[in-house]
PDB file of N, CA and C in Angstrom:
ATOM      1  N   UNK A   1    -112.077  35.529 -87.263  1.00  0.00           N
ATOM      2  CA  UNK A   1    -112.238  34.568 -86.193  1.00  0.00           C
ATOM      3  C   UNK A   1    -111.440  35.029 -84.977  1.00  0.00           C
ATOM      4  N   UNK A   2    -112.076  35.067 -83.828  1.00  0.00           N
ATOM      5  CA  UNK A   2    -111.426  35.507 -82.599  1.00  0.00           C
ATOM      6  C   UNK A   2    -110.906  34.281 -81.845  1.00  0.00           C
ATOM      7  N   UNK A   3    -109.588  34.154 -81.762  1.00  0.00           N
ATOM      8  CA  UNK A   3    -108.983  33.020 -81.071  1.00  0.00           C
ATOM      9  C   UNK A   3    -108.595  33.346 -79.635  1.00  0.00           C
ATOM     10  N   UNK A   4    -109.030  34.504 -79.159  1.00  0.00           N
ATOM     11  CA  UNK A   4    -108.716  34.903 -77.795  1.00  0.00           C
ATOM     12  C   UNK A   4    -109.700  34.260 -76.824  1.00  0.00           C
ATOM     13  N   UNK A   5    -109.206  33.784 -75.704  1.00  0.00           N
ATOM     14  CA  UNK A   5    -110.075  33.240 -74.667  1.00  0.00           C
ATOM     15  C   UNK A   5    -110.110  34.237 -73.511  1.00  0.00           C
ATOM     16  N   UNK A   6    -111.294  34.537 -73.070  1.00  0.00           N
ATOM     17  CA  UNK A   6    -111.442  35.504 -71.980  1.00  0.00           C
ATOM     18  C   UNK A   6    -111.341  34.785 -70.642  1.00  0.00           C
ATOM     19  N   UNK A   7    -111.089  35.512 -69.566  1.00  0.00           N
ATOM     20  CA  UNK A   7    -111.072  34.883 -68.242  1.00  0.00           C
ATOM     21  C   UNK A   7    -112.401  34.176 -67.930  1.00  0.00           C
ATOM     22  N   UNK A   8    -113.520  34.757 -68.366  1.00  0.00           N
ATOM     23  CA  UNK A   8    -114.820  34.121 -68.132  1.00  0.00           C
ATOM     24  C   UNK A   8    -114.922  32.798 -68.902  1.00  0.00           C
ATOM     25  N   UNK A   9    -114.428  32.794 -70.151  1.00  0.00           N
ATOM     26  CA  UNK A   9    -114.412  31.558 -70.941  1.00  0.00           C
ATOM     27  C   UNK A   9    -113.571  30.493 -70.250  1.00  0.00           C
ATOM     28  N   UNK A  10    -112.418  30.893 -69.763  1.00  0.00           N
ATOM     29  CA  UNK A  10    -111.517  29.963 -69.092  1.00  0.00           C
ATOM     30  C   UNK A  10    -112.176  29.356 -67.854  1.00  0.00           C
ATOM     31  N   UNK A  11    -112.823  30.184 -67.041  1.00  0.00           N
ATOM     32  CA  UNK A  11    -113.499  29.675 -65.849  1.00  0.00           C
ATOM     33  C   UNK A  11    -114.595  28.679 -66.229  1.00  0.00           C
ATOM     34  N   UNK A  12    -115.335  29.000 -67.297  1.00  0.00           N
ATOM     35  CA  UNK A  12    -116.392  28.104 -67.753  1.00  0.00           C
ATOM     36  C   UNK A  12    -115.800  26.764 -68.198  1.00  0.00           C
ATOM     37  N   UNK A  13    -114.731  26.812 -68.969  1.00  0.00           N
ATOM     38  CA  UNK A  13    -114.115  25.578 -69.462  1.00  0.00           C
ATOM     39  C   UNK A  13    -113.501  24.758 -68.340  1.00  0.00           C
ATOM     40  N   UNK A  14    -112.977  25.423 -67.324  1.00  0.00           N
ATOM     41  CA  UNK A  14    -112.402  24.696 -66.193  1.00  0.00           C
ATOM     42  C   UNK A  14    -113.468  23.926 -65.422  1.00  0.00           C
ATOM     43  N   UNK A  15    -114.699  24.368 -65.532  1.00  0.00           N
ATOM     44  CA  UNK A  15    -115.800  23.699 -64.840  1.00  0.00           C
ATOM     45  C   UNK A  15    -116.382  22.533 -65.644  1.00  0.00           C
ATOM     46  N   UNK A  16    -115.937  22.352 -66.894  1.00  0.00           N
ATOM     47  CA  UNK A  16    -116.442  21.271 -67.720  1.00  0.00           C
ATOM     48  C   UNK A  16    -116.114  19.918 -67.103  1.00  0.00           C
ATOM     49  N   UNK A  17    -116.942  18.947 -67.398  1.00  0.00           N
ATOM     50  CA  UNK A  17    -116.657  17.572 -66.993  1.00  0.00           C
ATOM     51  C   UNK A  17    -115.549  17.027 -67.889  1.00  0.00           C
ATOM     52  N   UNK A  18    -114.974  15.910 -67.488  1.00  0.00           N
ATOM     53  CA  UNK A  18    -113.938  15.284 -68.305  1.00  0.00           C
ATOM     54  C   UNK A  18    -114.489  14.941 -69.686  1.00  0.00           C
ATOM     55  N   UNK A  19    -115.709  14.436 -69.735  1.00  0.00           N
ATOM     56  CA  UNK A  19    -116.317  14.091 -71.023  1.00  0.00           C
ATOM     57  C   UNK A  19    -116.426  15.316 -71.928  1.00  0.00           C
ATOM     58  N   UNK A  20    -116.822  16.462 -71.367  1.00  0.00           N
ATOM     59  CA  UNK A  20    -116.923  17.695 -72.156  1.00  0.00           C
ATOM     60  C   UNK A  20    -115.550  18.127 -72.665  1.00  0.00           C
ATOM     61  N   UNK A  21    -114.528  17.996 -71.818  1.00  0.00           N
ATOM     62  CA  UNK A  21    -113.173  18.374 -72.221  1.00  0.00           C
ATOM     63  C   UNK A  21    -112.676  17.483 -73.350  1.00  0.00           C
ATOM     64  N   UNK A  22    -112.953  16.187 -73.255  1.00  0.00           N
ATOM     65  CA  UNK A  22    -112.544  15.255 -74.302  1.00  0.00           C
ATOM     66  C   UNK A  22    -113.279  15.570 -75.597  1.00  0.00           C
ATOM     67  N   UNK A  23    -114.599  15.783 -75.528  1.00  0.00           N
ATOM     68  CA  UNK A  23    -115.385  16.120 -76.719  1.00  0.00           C
ATOM     69  C   UNK A  23    -114.841  17.377 -77.391  1.00  0.00           C
ATOM     70  N   UNK A  24    -114.525  18.393 -76.607  1.00  0.00           N
ATOM     71  CA  UNK A  24    -113.989  19.636 -77.153  1.00  0.00           C
ATOM     72  C   UNK A  24    -112.642  19.380 -77.836  1.00  0.00           C
ATOM     73  N   UNK A  25    -111.783  18.624 -77.173  1.00  0.00           N
ATOM     74  CA  UNK A  25    -110.462  18.330 -77.733  1.00  0.00           C
ATOM     75  C   UNK A  25    -110.572  17.579 -79.052  1.00  0.00           C
ATOM     76  N   UNK A  26    -111.453  16.596 -79.112  1.00  0.00           N
ATOM     77  CA  UNK A  26    -111.653  15.837 -80.348  1.00  0.00           C
ATOM     78  C   UNK A  26    -112.146  16.769 -81.454  1.00  0.00           C
ATOM     79  N   UNK A  27    -113.069  17.652 -81.134  1.00  0.00           N
ATOM     80  CA  UNK A  27    -113.582  18.600 -82.122  1.00  0.00           C
ATOM     81  C   UNK A  27    -112.500  19.522 -82.653  1.00  0.00           C
ATOM     82  N   UNK A  28    -111.626  19.991 -81.781  1.00  0.00           N
ATOM     83  CA  UNK A  28    -110.534  20.879 -82.201  1.00  0.00           C
ATOM     84  C   UNK A  28    -109.561  20.124 -83.102  1.00  0.00           C
ATOM     85  N   UNK A  29    -109.239  18.889 -82.741  1.00  0.00           N
ATOM     86  CA  UNK A  29    -108.324  18.086 -83.567  1.00  0.00           C
ATOM     87  C   UNK A  29    -108.946  17.820 -84.936  1.00  0.00           C
ATOM     88  N   UNK A  30    -110.232  17.468 -84.958  1.00  0.00           N
ATOM     89  CA  UNK A  30    -110.911  17.226 -86.240  1.00  0.00           C
ATOM     90  C   UNK A  30    -110.931  18.481 -87.110  1.00  0.00           C
ATOM     91  N   UNK A  31    -111.192  19.636 -86.491  1.00  0.00           N
ATOM     92  CA  UNK A  31    -111.209  20.894 -87.247  1.00  0.00           C
ATOM     93  C   UNK A  31    -109.823  21.199 -87.810  1.00  0.00           C
ATOM     94  N   UNK A  32    -108.791  20.951 -87.029  1.00  0.00           N
ATOM     95  CA  UNK A  32    -107.415  21.180 -87.491  1.00  0.00           C
ATOM     96  C   UNK A  32    -107.083  20.265 -88.665  1.00  0.00           C
ATOM     97  N   UNK A  33    -107.443  18.991 -88.555  1.00  0.00           N
ATOM     98  CA  UNK A  33    -107.169  18.032 -89.635  1.00  0.00           C
ATOM     99  C   UNK A  33    -107.918  18.424 -90.905  1.00  0.00           C
ATOM    100  N   UNK A  34    -109.166  18.847 -90.769  1.00  0.00           N
ATOM    101  CA  UNK A  34    -109.951  19.289 -91.922  1.00  0.00           C
ATOM    102  C   UNK A  34    -109.305  20.497 -92.573  1.00  0.00           C
ATOM    103  N   UNK A  35    -108.881  21.463 -91.783  1.00  0.00           N
ATOM    104  CA  UNK A  35    -108.218  22.660 -92.303  1.00  0.00           C
ATOM    105  C   UNK A  35    -106.950  22.276 -93.071  1.00  0.00           C
ATOM    106  N   UNK A  36    -106.158  21.400 -92.482  1.00  0.00           N
ATOM    107  CA  UNK A  36    -104.914  20.984 -93.150  1.00  0.00           C
ATOM    108  C   UNK A  36    -105.203  20.330 -94.489  1.00  0.00           C
ATOM    109  N   UNK A  37    -106.189  19.451 -94.510  1.00  0.00           N
ATOM    110  CA  UNK A  37    -106.528  18.768 -95.759  1.00  0.00           C
ATOM    111  C   UNK A  37    -107.018  19.757 -96.810  1.00  0.00           C
ATOM    112  N   UNK A  38    -107.788  20.755 -96.392  1.00  0.00           N
ATOM    113  CA  UNK A  38    -108.263  21.781 -97.325  1.00  0.00           C
ATOM    114  C   UNK A  38    -107.101  22.590 -97.901  1.00  0.00           C
ATOM    115  N   UNK A  39    -106.015  22.700 -97.159  1.00  0.00           N
ATOM    116  CA  UNK A  39    -104.835  23.443 -97.608  1.00  0.00           C
ATOM    117  C   UNK A  39    -103.859  22.546 -98.367  1.00  0.00           C
ATOM    118  N   UNK A  40    -104.250  21.284 -98.577  1.00  0.00           N
ATOM    119  CA  UNK A  40    -103.392  20.352 -99.302  1.00  0.00           C
ATOM    120  C   UNK A  40    -102.245  19.809 -98.478  1.00  0.00           C
ATOM    121  N   UNK A  41    -102.414  19.829 -97.177  1.00  0.00           N
ATOM    122  CA  UNK A  41    -101.366  19.329 -96.287  1.00  0.00           C
ATOM    123  C   UNK A  41    -101.880  18.103 -95.547  1.00  0.00           C
ATOM    124  N   UNK A  42    -100.966  17.254 -95.160  1.00  0.00           N
ATOM    125  CA  UNK A  42    -101.329  16.053 -94.413  1.00  0.00           C
ATOM    126  C   UNK A  42    -100.945  16.267 -92.956  1.00  0.00           C
ATOM    127  N   UNK A  43    -101.920  16.332 -92.075  1.00  0.00           N
ATOM    128  CA  UNK A  43    -101.601  16.547 -90.662  1.00  0.00           C
ATOM    129  C   UNK A  43    -101.051  15.269 -90.028  1.00  0.00           C
ATOM    130  N   UNK A  44    -100.211  15.442 -89.062  1.00  0.00           N
ATOM    131  CA  UNK A  44     -99.689  14.330 -88.278  1.00  0.00           C
ATOM    132  C   UNK A  44     -99.991  14.644 -86.824  1.00  0.00           C
ATOM    133  N   UNK A  45    -100.752  13.788 -86.210  1.00  0.00           N
ATOM    134  CA  UNK A  45    -101.104  13.970 -84.806  1.00  0.00           C
ATOM    135  C   UNK A  45    -100.601  12.755 -84.053  1.00  0.00           C
ATOM    136  N   UNK A  46     -99.848  12.987 -83.008  1.00  0.00           N
ATOM    137  CA  UNK A  46     -99.272  11.895 -82.234  1.00  0.00           C
ATOM    138  C   UNK A  46     -99.578  12.105 -80.757  1.00  0.00           C
ATOM    139  N   UNK A  47     -99.910  11.026 -80.112  1.00  0.00           N
ATOM    140  CA  UNK A  47    -100.168  11.061 -78.675  1.00  0.00           C
ATOM    141  C   UNK A  47     -99.210  10.098 -78.001  1.00  0.00           C
ATOM    142  N   UNK A  48     -98.636  10.513 -76.910  1.00  0.00           N
ATOM    143  CA  UNK A  48     -97.744   9.608 -76.202  1.00  0.00           C
ATOM    144  C   UNK A  48     -97.847   9.864 -74.707  1.00  0.00           C
ATOM    145  N   UNK A  49     -97.462   8.880 -73.959  1.00  0.00           N
ATOM    146  CA  UNK A  49     -97.434   8.974 -72.505  1.00  0.00           C
ATOM    147  C   UNK A  49     -95.993   8.840 -72.097  1.00  0.00           C
ATOM    148  N   UNK A  50     -95.505   9.785 -71.311  1.00  0.00           N
ATOM    149  CA  UNK A  50     -94.157   9.662 -70.791  1.00  0.00           C
ATOM    150  C   UNK A  50     -94.234   9.046 -69.411  1.00  0.00           C
ATOM    151  N   UNK A  51     -93.258   8.294 -69.074  1.00  0.00           N
ATOM    152  CA  UNK A  51     -93.240   7.606 -67.796  1.00  0.00           C
ATOM    153  C   UNK A  51     -92.117   8.168 -66.930  1.00  0.00           C
ATOM    154  N   UNK A  52     -92.397   8.275 -65.670  1.00  0.00           N
ATOM    155  CA  UNK A  52     -91.381   8.695 -64.720  1.00  0.00           C
ATOM    156  C   UNK A  52     -91.403   7.730 -63.553  1.00  0.00           C
ATOM    157  N   UNK A  53     -90.463   7.880 -62.652  1.00  0.00           N
ATOM    158  CA  UNK A  53     -90.405   7.007 -61.476  1.00  0.00           C
ATOM    159  C   UNK A  53     -91.668   7.119 -60.635  1.00  0.00           C
ATOM    160  N   UNK A  54     -92.375   8.244 -60.734  1.00  0.00           N
ATOM    161  CA  UNK A  54     -93.588   8.449 -59.940  1.00  0.00           C
ATOM    162  C   UNK A  54     -94.771   7.646 -60.468  1.00  0.00           C
ATOM    163  N   UNK A  55     -94.649   7.094 -61.679  1.00  0.00           N
ATOM    164  CA  UNK A  55     -95.750   6.336 -62.269  1.00  0.00           C
ATOM    165  C   UNK A  55     -95.811   4.900 -61.751  1.00  0.00           C
ATOM    166  N   UNK A  56     -94.796   4.473 -61.026  1.00  0.00           N
ATOM    167  CA  UNK A  56     -94.757   3.072 -60.583  1.00  0.00           C
ATOM    168  C   UNK A  56     -94.977   2.932 -59.115  1.00  0.00           C
TER     169      UNK A  56
END
């Protein structure tokens, strides 16, 4: 499996819509969780938002 991203791939992905980026991210997370479960491991995925003075 080739995990390298080429400059052309990067340019293509940068042009994706937000919906496409979200769909891709969800797919990658699901694939990671599936891989972990197949290896007998329990994945932990956490999402958080940090706040700064600029957010108010």
